[in-house]
Amino acid sequence: MVLNVDLQSSKCYKKVRKLLCKFPEIGDREYDEKANKVTIKVVSCSPEKIRDKLCCKGG
């Protein structure tokens, strides 16, 4: 699943990394700072649930 997030500022980048590390359902993470995208591999649940949780916690 590909997420469009703001990775240009170091504060936002750290916040996104911290949030993604809290989810054990996420296997692999790839950060593309130039395109402002994070690619994640969801292992044990639906990607939509992870997306909804990230939107609630991330703002």
C-alpha atoms as a PDB file:
ATOM      1  CA  MET A   1       0.000   0.000   0.000  1.00  0.00           C
ATOM      2  CA  VAL A   2       1.301   3.454  -0.880  1.00  0.00           C
ATOM      3  CA  LEU A   3       0.643   6.402   1.429  1.00  0.00           C
ATOM      4  CA  ASN A   4       1.067  10.026   0.388  1.00  0.00           C
ATOM      5  CA  VAL A   5       2.546  11.917   3.320  1.00  0.00           C
ATOM      6  CA  ASP A   6       4.682  15.016   3.863  1.00  0.00           C
ATOM      7  CA  LEU A   7       8.252  13.812   4.319  1.00  0.00           C
ATOM      8  CA  GLN A   8      10.005  17.087   3.499  1.00  0.00           C
ATOM      9  CA  SER A   9      10.320  18.375   7.055  1.00  0.00           C
ATOM     10  CA  SER A  10      12.319  16.319   9.522  1.00  0.00           C
ATOM     11  CA  LYS A  11       9.584  16.664  12.151  1.00  0.00           C
ATOM     12  CA  CYS A  12       6.930  15.098   9.887  1.00  0.00           C
ATOM     13  CA  TYR A  13       9.339  12.388   8.750  1.00  0.00           C
ATOM     14  CA  LYS A  14      10.094  11.392  12.351  1.00  0.00           C
ATOM     15  CA  LYS A  15       6.394  11.419  13.262  1.00  0.00           C
ATOM     16  CA  VAL A  16       5.502   9.113  10.360  1.00  0.00           C
ATOM     17  CA  ARG A  17       8.352   6.713  11.172  1.00  0.00           C
ATOM     18  CA  LYS A  18       7.371   6.622  14.841  1.00  0.00           C
ATOM     19  CA  LEU A  19       3.715   5.902  14.009  1.00  0.00           C
ATOM     20  CA  LEU A  20       4.554   3.149  11.523  1.00  0.00           C
ATOM     21  CA  CYS A  21       6.873   1.421  13.997  1.00  0.00           C
ATOM     22  CA  LYS A  22       4.006   1.077  16.482  1.00  0.00           C
ATOM     23  CA  PHE A  23       2.023  -1.242  14.189  1.00  0.00           C
ATOM     24  CA  PRO A  24       3.127  -4.900  14.319  1.00  0.00           C
ATOM     25  CA  GLU A  25       0.896  -5.605  11.299  1.00  0.00           C
ATOM     26  CA  ILE A  26       3.287  -3.686   9.026  1.00  0.00           C
ATOM     27  CA  GLY A  27       6.103  -5.787   7.622  1.00  0.00           C
ATOM     28  CA  ASP A  28       8.237  -3.707   5.268  1.00  0.00           C
ATOM     29  CA  ARG A  29       8.515   0.070   4.991  1.00  0.00           C
ATOM     30  CA  GLU A  30      10.094   2.101   2.196  1.00  0.00           C
ATOM     31  CA  TYR A  31      10.385   5.883   2.451  1.00  0.00           C
ATOM     32  CA  ASP A  32      10.651   8.032  -0.691  1.00  0.00           C
ATOM     33  CA  GLU A  33      11.339  11.580   0.485  1.00  0.00           C
ATOM     34  CA  LYS A  34      11.482  13.070  -3.014  1.00  0.00           C
ATOM     35  CA  ALA A  35       8.012  11.819  -3.991  1.00  0.00           C
ATOM     36  CA  ASN A  36       6.528  12.185  -0.460  1.00  0.00           C
ATOM     37  CA  LYS A  37       5.424   8.548  -0.425  1.00  0.00           C
ATOM     38  CA  VAL A  38       5.705   5.682   2.011  1.00  0.00           C
ATOM     39  CA  THR A  39       5.244   2.137   0.729  1.00  0.00           C
ATOM     40  CA  ILE A  40       4.261  -0.395   3.382  1.00  0.00           C
ATOM     41  CA  LYS A  41       3.535  -4.097   3.334  1.00  0.00           C
ATOM     42  CA  VAL A  42       0.642  -5.073   5.607  1.00  0.00           C
ATOM     43  CA  VAL A  43       0.990  -8.624   6.923  1.00  0.00           C
ATOM     44  CA  SER A  44      -1.861  -9.654   9.207  1.00  0.00           C
ATOM     45  CA  CYS A  45      -4.880  -7.394   8.580  1.00  0.00           C
ATOM     46  CA  SER A  46      -6.514  -5.319   5.863  1.00  0.00           C
ATOM     47  CA  PRO A  47      -4.622  -2.275   4.561  1.00  0.00           C
ATOM     48  CA  GLU A  48      -7.737  -0.147   4.987  1.00  0.00           C
ATOM     49  CA  LYS A  49      -7.697  -0.666   8.769  1.00  0.00           C
ATOM     50  CA  ILE A  50      -4.063   0.430   8.961  1.00  0.00           C
ATOM     51  CA  ARG A  51      -4.801   3.478   6.790  1.00  0.00           C
ATOM     52  CA  ASP A  52      -7.704   4.484   9.026  1.00  0.00           C
ATOM     53  CA  LYS A  53      -5.618   4.078  12.203  1.00  0.00           C
ATOM     54  CA  LEU A  54      -2.800   6.153  10.721  1.00  0.00           C
ATOM     55  CA  CYS A  55      -5.196   8.931   9.721  1.00  0.00           C
ATOM     56  CA  CYS A  56      -6.670   9.030  13.235  1.00  0.00           C
ATOM     57  CA  LYS A  57      -3.308   9.098  15.016  1.00  0.00           C
ATOM     58  CA  GLY A  58      -1.365  11.144  12.503  1.00  0.00           C
ATOM     59  CA  GLY A  59      -3.808  13.940  11.992  1.00  0.00           C
END
